[in-house]
């Protein structure tokens, strides 16, 4: 079911979501710079000459620019090629080092905070997936077709409880019967009924698909384990697919596709889970980057076009899915900008840390050369990534 009406096209929601990521990041720089009494000359969404401009009383020009590679906040004196009056107390270089540090750090930090607030809203208004499941649909060609219905909950197989802490996963329980008919205890419309179905062995084609499913589940499990995240339902599902494949036995299924329950959390639980979210997501991202650099996985880069496409697809699946993607990319953006690379916030923080530790500024010429080189490399990378979005290569 779509989460938007025809009056709000999916592509528009996607662009607004991308704009949200940029605005949140740059707003962190803007508000902290103002708090530190710095003069903000320009607040731009996108790069290039402004298409729409509005100057406010503080003197800041807010603009929308045509190149959607990000945005920037232009603080007086922050431009590495700009001449600065040493007496101008509102210029960036003339403010204390700690104020410049928190101004730069504020962008990534605001991305992390936005992920926390989005997660809190999602968990309280929509809920969190739980380790309990219901039937979404039954595939044609299986004995269960016509016997089981959407929203049925299978609570036991031949009297063995399912999905409880001490119970089995459904697929594992079905496989243990080696194709014999099983009696399912089903919770339907506040009543429990018993239904007998005969499992079906997967064909060679479906077995190959099962192997692919197992591989994907294993990768997801490894990532979560590396990030010290527990997922009992994922581990149980992985076990039910692995065992028969490993033992070269037939793989039996009853043709059901399951969906997990979504349970709204109380304020306390939602707060705890929301605070954990950016930490957990950061570990997952770092694990993925490690796997890319060690050759375990291939890099899958995407630019603004790819991001808009992913947002459009996510919002088409439902508003919660769009918010989940927004949460994840908020953490991605915050973490990426903290990397100690030239032209990124992390690169500037390295120079500011040096200044605060040694109590002397780095050579301005060296810093200028480093950031200028970083900007050129970053722009080239963004252009190549965007061309890749259009399948030019």
Protein backbone atom coordinates (compact mmCIF):
# COMPACT_ATOMS: atom_id res chain seq x y z
CA UNK A 1 0.00 0.00 0.00
CA UNK A 2 1.41 3.38 -0.95
CA UNK A 3 2.02 5.95 1.74
CA UNK A 4 1.41 8.97 -0.43
CA UNK A 5 -1.49 10.24 -2.44
CA UNK A 6 -1.38 11.05 -6.18
CA UNK A 7 -1.10 14.70 -5.12
CA UNK A 8 2.33 13.94 -3.61
CA UNK A 9 4.36 11.95 -6.19
CA UNK A 10 6.91 9.47 -4.96
CA UNK A 11 9.77 11.29 -6.67
CA UNK A 12 8.83 14.49 -4.81
CA UNK A 13 8.90 12.70 -1.45
CA UNK A 14 12.27 11.23 -2.41
CA UNK A 15 13.73 14.65 -3.29
CA UNK A 16 12.36 16.13 -0.07
CA UNK A 17 13.96 13.31 1.90
CA UNK A 18 17.34 13.96 0.25
CA UNK A 19 16.89 17.66 0.95
CA UNK A 20 16.10 16.85 4.59
CA UNK A 21 19.46 15.10 4.98
CA UNK A 22 21.31 18.12 3.59
CA UNK A 23 19.31 20.71 5.53
CA UNK A 24 19.76 18.87 8.84
CA UNK A 25 23.52 18.62 8.37
CA UNK A 26 24.01 22.23 7.33
CA UNK A 27 21.62 23.48 10.01
CA UNK A 28 23.94 22.03 12.62
CA UNK A 29 26.80 24.14 11.28
CA UNK A 30 24.56 27.19 10.90
CA UNK A 31 23.00 27.33 14.36
CA UNK A 32 26.20 26.55 16.24
CA UNK A 33 28.10 29.14 14.18
CA UNK A 34 25.45 31.74 15.06
CA UNK A 35 25.63 30.68 18.72
CA UNK A 36 29.40 31.20 18.59
CA UNK A 37 28.82 34.72 17.16
CA UNK A 38 30.17 33.93 13.71
CA UNK A 39 28.78 35.76 10.68
CA UNK A 40 27.10 33.29 8.31
CA UNK A 41 27.16 34.72 4.79
CA UNK A 42 25.32 31.96 2.91
CA UNK A 43 23.25 28.82 3.54
CA UNK A 44 23.01 26.82 0.32
CA UNK A 45 21.15 23.65 -0.59
CA UNK A 46 23.06 22.38 -3.61
CA UNK A 47 26.12 23.84 -5.31
CA UNK A 48 26.45 26.44 -8.02
CA UNK A 49 24.73 29.81 -8.54
CA UNK A 50 21.56 30.27 -6.53
CA UNK A 51 18.27 29.71 -8.35
CA UNK A 52 16.14 30.95 -5.47
CA UNK A 53 17.56 33.37 -2.90
CA UNK A 54 16.31 35.04 0.26
CA UNK A 55 18.34 37.30 2.54
CA UNK A 56 17.23 37.52 6.18
CA UNK A 57 17.81 40.26 8.77
CA UNK A 58 20.98 38.63 10.09
CA UNK A 59 22.53 39.10 6.63
CA UNK A 60 22.54 35.41 5.73
CA UNK A 61 21.47 34.56 2.19
CA UNK A 62 19.50 31.31 1.98
CA UNK A 63 19.60 29.80 -1.48
CA UNK A 64 18.64 26.78 -3.56
CA UNK A 65 21.30 25.81 -6.12
CA UNK A 66 21.06 23.44 -9.12
CA UNK A 67 23.85 20.89 -8.46
CA UNK A 68 22.46 18.37 -5.94
CA UNK A 69 25.77 17.06 -4.55
CA UNK A 70 25.03 18.41 -1.07
CA UNK A 71 25.05 21.85 0.46
CA UNK A 72 27.22 24.26 2.42
CA UNK A 73 27.20 26.98 5.04
CA UNK A 74 29.55 29.83 4.16
CA UNK A 75 30.91 31.46 7.29
CA UNK A 76 32.84 34.71 7.01
CA UNK A 77 36.55 33.95 6.79
CA UNK A 78 36.11 30.21 6.41
CA UNK A 79 36.80 30.21 2.69
CA UNK A 80 40.39 29.03 2.45
CA UNK A 81 41.20 31.64 -0.24
CA UNK A 82 39.49 34.55 1.57
CA UNK A 83 41.33 37.52 3.05
CA UNK A 84 40.28 38.05 6.67
CA UNK A 85 40.42 41.22 8.73
CA UNK A 86 42.23 40.21 11.96
CA UNK A 87 40.04 42.67 13.88
CA UNK A 88 36.77 41.13 12.68
CA UNK A 89 35.54 39.21 15.75
CA UNK A 90 32.72 37.61 13.75
CA UNK A 91 35.05 35.94 11.26
CA UNK A 92 35.64 32.20 11.58
CA UNK A 93 39.47 32.31 11.96
CA UNK A 94 39.22 34.90 14.75
CA UNK A 95 37.00 32.84 17.01
CA UNK A 96 38.46 30.54 19.71
CA UNK A 97 39.59 27.12 18.51
CA UNK A 98 36.98 25.27 20.59
CA UNK A 99 34.19 27.31 18.98
CA UNK A 100 35.48 26.49 15.50
CA UNK A 101 35.73 22.83 16.52
CA UNK A 102 32.13 22.55 17.77
CA UNK A 103 30.88 24.45 14.71
CA UNK A 104 32.45 21.88 12.38
CA UNK A 105 31.44 18.94 14.57
CA UNK A 106 27.84 20.17 14.73
CA UNK A 107 27.01 19.01 11.17
CA UNK A 108 27.72 15.28 11.67
CA UNK A 109 26.41 15.44 15.24
CA UNK A 110 23.08 16.83 14.01
CA UNK A 111 22.80 13.94 11.55
CA UNK A 112 23.20 11.52 14.44
CA UNK A 113 20.66 13.44 16.53
CA UNK A 114 18.16 13.44 13.66
CA UNK A 115 18.51 9.64 13.40
CA UNK A 116 17.73 9.37 17.11
CA UNK A 117 14.62 11.57 16.87
CA UNK A 118 13.39 9.78 13.75
CA UNK A 119 13.91 6.42 15.43
CA UNK A 120 12.04 7.57 18.54
CA UNK A 121 9.09 8.77 16.47
CA UNK A 122 9.03 5.56 14.43
CA UNK A 123 9.23 3.27 17.45
CA UNK A 124 6.48 5.06 19.39
CA UNK A 125 4.08 5.72 16.51
CA UNK A 126 4.70 2.65 14.35
CA UNK A 127 6.62 0.15 16.45
CA UNK A 128 9.53 -2.26 16.30
CA UNK A 129 9.67 -5.72 14.69
CA UNK A 130 9.27 -8.48 17.25
CA UNK A 131 10.22 -12.17 17.26
CA UNK A 132 6.66 -13.24 16.48
CA UNK A 133 5.22 -13.81 13.02
CA UNK A 134 2.00 -14.14 11.07
CA UNK A 135 1.19 -15.49 7.62
CA UNK A 136 1.32 -12.91 4.84
CA UNK A 137 0.37 -15.25 1.98
CA UNK A 138 0.38 -18.88 0.86
CA UNK A 139 1.91 -19.81 -2.49
CA UNK A 140 0.04 -21.71 -5.17
CA UNK A 141 0.88 -25.38 -5.61
CA UNK A 142 1.11 -26.19 -1.89
CA UNK A 143 -1.30 -28.24 0.22
CA UNK A 144 -1.62 -25.30 2.62
CA UNK A 145 -3.27 -23.20 -0.10
CA UNK A 146 -6.92 -22.78 0.87
CA UNK A 147 -6.29 -24.14 4.36
CA UNK A 148 -4.19 -21.35 5.80
CA UNK A 149 -5.21 -17.71 5.48
CA UNK A 150 -3.40 -14.37 5.67
CA UNK A 151 -3.05 -13.14 9.27
CA UNK A 152 -3.14 -16.71 10.63
CA UNK A 153 -0.55 -17.26 13.35
CA UNK A 154 1.02 -20.72 13.55
CA UNK A 155 1.71 -21.30 17.23
CA UNK A 156 2.68 -25.00 17.15
CA UNK A 157 3.66 -27.82 14.77
CA UNK A 158 2.62 -31.30 15.98
CA UNK A 159 2.29 -29.77 19.43
CA UNK A 160 5.77 -28.18 19.44
CA UNK A 161 5.58 -24.41 20.19
CA UNK A 162 6.82 -22.05 17.47
CA UNK A 163 8.65 -18.74 17.87
CA UNK A 164 8.86 -18.95 21.66
CA UNK A 165 12.26 -18.58 23.35
CA UNK A 166 12.48 -22.37 23.74
CA UNK A 167 10.64 -23.19 20.50
CA UNK A 168 11.70 -23.93 16.94
CA UNK A 169 11.55 -21.82 13.81
CA UNK A 170 8.75 -22.96 11.49
CA UNK A 171 11.00 -24.07 8.62
CA UNK A 172 13.15 -26.16 10.97
CA UNK A 173 10.09 -27.85 12.46
CA UNK A 174 8.69 -28.69 9.01
CA UNK A 175 12.00 -30.16 7.82
CA UNK A 176 12.22 -32.44 10.86
CA UNK A 177 9.08 -34.25 9.64
CA UNK A 178 10.83 -35.29 6.39
CA UNK A 179 7.78 -34.62 4.23
CA UNK A 180 5.19 -36.29 6.47
CA UNK A 181 1.87 -34.49 7.09
CA UNK A 182 2.02 -32.07 10.01
CA UNK A 183 -0.68 -30.77 12.32
CA UNK A 184 -0.51 -26.99 12.66
CA UNK A 185 -2.04 -25.24 15.65
CA UNK A 186 -3.25 -21.94 14.21
CA UNK A 187 -4.50 -18.84 15.99
CA UNK A 188 -7.25 -17.31 13.83
CA UNK A 189 -9.79 -14.63 14.79
CA UNK A 190 -9.17 -15.12 18.54
CA UNK A 191 -9.63 -18.88 18.24
CA UNK A 192 -7.21 -21.78 17.97
CA UNK A 193 -7.80 -24.39 15.31
CA UNK A 194 -5.81 -27.37 14.04
CA UNK A 195 -5.03 -27.81 10.34
CA UNK A 196 -3.22 -30.75 8.75
CA UNK A 197 -0.99 -29.97 5.75
CA UNK A 198 1.51 -32.00 3.76
CA UNK A 199 4.91 -30.32 3.16
CA UNK A 200 6.42 -30.25 -0.31
CA UNK A 201 10.05 -30.85 -1.25
CA UNK A 202 11.71 -28.02 -3.13
CA UNK A 203 12.72 -28.59 -6.75
CA UNK A 204 16.33 -28.16 -7.88
CA UNK A 205 15.56 -24.59 -8.96
CA UNK A 206 13.99 -23.73 -5.64
CA UNK A 207 16.84 -25.47 -3.83
CA UNK A 208 19.32 -23.22 -5.60
CA UNK A 209 17.21 -20.26 -4.54
CA UNK A 210 17.32 -21.61 -0.98
CA UNK A 211 21.11 -21.67 -1.14
CA UNK A 212 21.10 -18.02 -2.21
CA UNK A 213 18.72 -17.17 0.63
CA UNK A 214 21.02 -18.95 3.06
CA UNK A 215 24.01 -16.99 1.80
CA UNK A 216 22.18 -13.67 2.24
CA UNK A 217 20.98 -14.62 5.71
CA UNK A 218 24.51 -15.65 6.68
CA UNK A 219 25.94 -12.31 5.52
CA UNK A 220 23.29 -10.40 7.48
CA UNK A 221 23.94 -12.53 10.57
CA UNK A 222 27.71 -12.00 10.34
CA UNK A 223 27.27 -8.24 10.08
CA UNK A 224 24.96 -8.05 13.08
CA UNK A 225 27.23 -10.34 15.10
CA UNK A 226 30.22 -8.14 14.26
CA UNK A 227 28.21 -5.15 15.49
CA UNK A 228 27.29 -7.09 18.67
CA UNK A 229 23.61 -7.09 17.75
CA UNK A 230 21.42 -10.07 18.59
CA UNK A 231 18.61 -11.22 16.28
CA UNK A 232 17.07 -14.51 17.48
CA UNK A 233 14.60 -14.62 14.59
CA UNK A 234 17.36 -14.22 11.99
CA UNK A 235 19.51 -16.88 13.66
CA UNK A 236 16.56 -19.28 13.79
CA UNK A 237 15.69 -18.68 10.15
CA UNK A 238 19.32 -19.23 9.16
CA UNK A 239 19.43 -22.51 11.07
CA UNK A 240 16.28 -23.80 9.39
CA UNK A 241 17.74 -23.16 5.91
CA UNK A 242 21.30 -24.30 6.67
CA UNK A 243 20.75 -27.71 8.26
CA UNK A 244 19.16 -29.60 5.34
CA UNK A 245 21.43 -27.96 2.76
CA UNK A 246 24.54 -28.81 4.78
CA UNK A 247 23.41 -32.41 5.23
CA UNK A 248 22.39 -32.76 1.57
CA UNK A 249 18.82 -33.57 2.56
CA UNK A 250 15.60 -32.50 0.79
CA UNK A 251 14.30 -29.13 1.85
CA UNK A 252 10.59 -29.17 2.74
CA UNK A 253 8.28 -26.15 2.90
CA UNK A 254 4.54 -25.57 3.28
CA UNK A 255 4.50 -22.50 0.98
CA UNK A 256 3.91 -19.75 3.51
CA UNK A 257 5.45 -16.30 3.46
CA UNK A 258 5.62 -14.80 6.94
CA UNK A 259 5.62 -11.22 8.18
CA UNK A 260 6.87 -10.17 11.59
CA UNK A 261 4.73 -8.38 14.14
CA UNK A 262 5.20 -4.66 14.64
CA UNK A 263 4.65 -3.60 18.25
CA UNK A 264 4.59 0.05 19.34
CA UNK A 265 7.03 0.73 22.19
CA UNK A 266 6.52 2.76 25.31
CA UNK A 267 8.39 6.02 25.75
CA UNK A 268 11.07 4.42 27.92
CA UNK A 269 11.82 1.49 25.61
CA UNK A 270 11.59 3.71 22.52
CA UNK A 271 14.10 6.15 24.03
CA UNK A 272 16.59 3.40 24.83
CA UNK A 273 16.28 1.79 21.39
CA UNK A 274 16.47 5.17 19.63
CA UNK A 275 19.67 6.07 21.49
CA UNK A 276 21.14 2.69 20.55
CA UNK A 277 20.21 3.00 16.87
CA UNK A 278 23.02 5.28 15.60
CA UNK A 279 25.60 3.32 17.60
CA UNK A 280 24.44 -0.01 16.19
CA UNK A 281 24.13 1.39 12.67
CA UNK A 282 27.63 2.87 12.85
CA UNK A 283 29.02 -0.56 13.76
CA UNK A 284 27.13 -2.15 10.86
CA UNK A 285 28.46 0.48 8.42
CA UNK A 286 32.04 0.11 9.65
CA UNK A 287 31.78 -3.67 9.36
CA UNK A 288 30.54 -3.31 5.79
CA UNK A 289 33.39 -0.95 4.92
CA UNK A 290 35.88 -3.36 6.42
CA UNK A 291 34.46 -6.17 4.28
CA UNK A 292 34.77 -3.99 1.16
CA UNK A 293 38.40 -3.12 1.87
CA UNK A 294 39.27 -6.76 2.65
CA UNK A 295 37.58 -7.96 -0.54
CA UNK A 296 34.75 -9.88 1.13
CA UNK A 297 32.16 -7.66 -0.56
CA UNK A 298 32.06 -5.44 -3.61
CA UNK A 299 31.48 -1.70 -3.27
CA UNK A 300 28.06 -0.53 -4.46
CA UNK A 301 28.38 3.23 -4.85
CA UNK A 302 25.48 5.55 -5.53
CA UNK A 303 25.08 9.28 -6.01
CA UNK A 304 22.11 11.67 -5.69
CA UNK A 305 20.19 9.96 -8.50
CA UNK A 306 20.58 6.55 -6.86
CA UNK A 307 19.61 7.94 -3.44
CA UNK A 308 16.44 9.55 -4.83
CA UNK A 309 15.57 6.26 -6.55
CA UNK A 310 16.06 4.31 -3.32
CA UNK A 311 13.92 6.81 -1.39
CA UNK A 312 11.17 6.58 -4.01
CA UNK A 313 11.13 2.78 -3.77
CA UNK A 314 11.16 2.89 0.04
CA UNK A 315 8.27 5.36 0.31
CA UNK A 316 6.32 3.29 -2.22
CA UNK A 317 6.51 0.39 0.25
CA UNK A 318 5.19 2.60 3.03
CA UNK A 319 6.02 5.64 5.12
CA UNK A 320 7.83 3.58 7.81
CA UNK A 321 10.17 2.14 5.18
CA UNK A 322 11.00 5.64 3.94
CA UNK A 323 11.72 6.79 7.50
CA UNK A 324 13.96 3.75 8.11
CA UNK A 325 16.01 4.64 5.04
CA UNK A 326 16.17 8.26 6.20
CA UNK A 327 17.44 7.11 9.61
CA UNK A 328 20.10 4.91 8.06
CA UNK A 329 21.33 7.57 5.61
CA UNK A 330 21.43 10.16 8.41
CA UNK A 331 23.95 7.98 10.20
CA UNK A 332 25.81 7.31 6.93
CA UNK A 333 26.10 11.04 6.22
CA UNK A 334 27.20 11.89 9.76
CA UNK A 335 29.80 9.11 9.84
CA UNK A 336 31.12 9.84 6.34
CA UNK A 337 31.71 13.49 7.22
CA UNK A 338 33.65 12.47 10.32
CA UNK A 339 36.24 10.59 8.28
CA UNK A 340 39.57 12.46 8.56
CA UNK A 341 39.75 13.23 4.86
CA UNK A 342 40.56 16.60 3.23
CA UNK A 343 37.53 18.82 2.46
CA UNK A 344 35.30 16.80 4.81
CA UNK A 345 34.36 17.96 8.32
CA UNK A 346 36.64 15.26 9.70
CA UNK A 347 39.61 16.71 7.81
CA UNK A 348 39.00 20.15 9.31
CA UNK A 349 38.63 18.61 12.76
CA UNK A 350 42.09 17.06 12.41
CA UNK A 351 43.65 20.51 11.90
CA UNK A 352 41.60 22.00 14.75
CA UNK A 353 42.59 19.16 17.07
CA UNK A 354 46.24 19.81 16.22
CA UNK A 355 45.73 23.49 17.02
CA UNK A 356 44.06 22.83 20.38
CA UNK A 357 46.71 20.29 21.42
CA UNK A 358 49.79 22.28 20.32
CA UNK A 359 48.21 25.72 20.89
CA UNK A 360 49.43 26.87 17.50
CA UNK A 361 47.76 26.89 14.13
CA UNK A 362 48.83 24.68 11.27
CA UNK A 363 50.55 26.37 8.35
CA UNK A 364 47.68 28.10 6.46
CA UNK A 365 49.27 27.36 3.09
CA UNK A 366 49.51 23.64 3.84
CA UNK A 367 45.94 23.52 5.13
CA UNK A 368 44.73 25.40 2.05
CA UNK A 369 46.52 23.02 -0.31
CA UNK A 370 45.17 19.96 1.53
CA UNK A 371 41.57 21.13 1.47
CA UNK A 372 41.72 22.38 -2.11
CA UNK A 373 43.07 19.01 -3.25
CA UNK A 374 40.40 17.23 -1.24
CA UNK A 375 37.63 19.33 -2.78
CA UNK A 376 38.84 18.58 -6.29
CA UNK A 377 39.07 14.84 -5.62
CA UNK A 378 35.66 14.82 -3.92
CA UNK A 379 34.00 16.62 -6.83
CA UNK A 380 35.56 14.22 -9.36
CA UNK A 381 34.35 11.23 -7.33
CA UNK A 382 30.83 12.68 -7.09
CA UNK A 383 30.71 13.28 -10.84
CA UNK A 384 31.88 9.72 -11.56
CA UNK A 385 29.37 8.27 -9.10
CA UNK A 386 26.55 10.30 -10.64
CA UNK A 387 27.53 9.15 -14.14
CA UNK A 388 27.46 5.61 -12.80
CA UNK A 389 23.89 6.26 -11.59
CA UNK A 390 22.98 6.93 -15.22
CA UNK A 391 24.79 3.71 -16.31
CA UNK A 392 27.29 5.68 -18.38
CA UNK A 393 30.04 3.18 -17.58
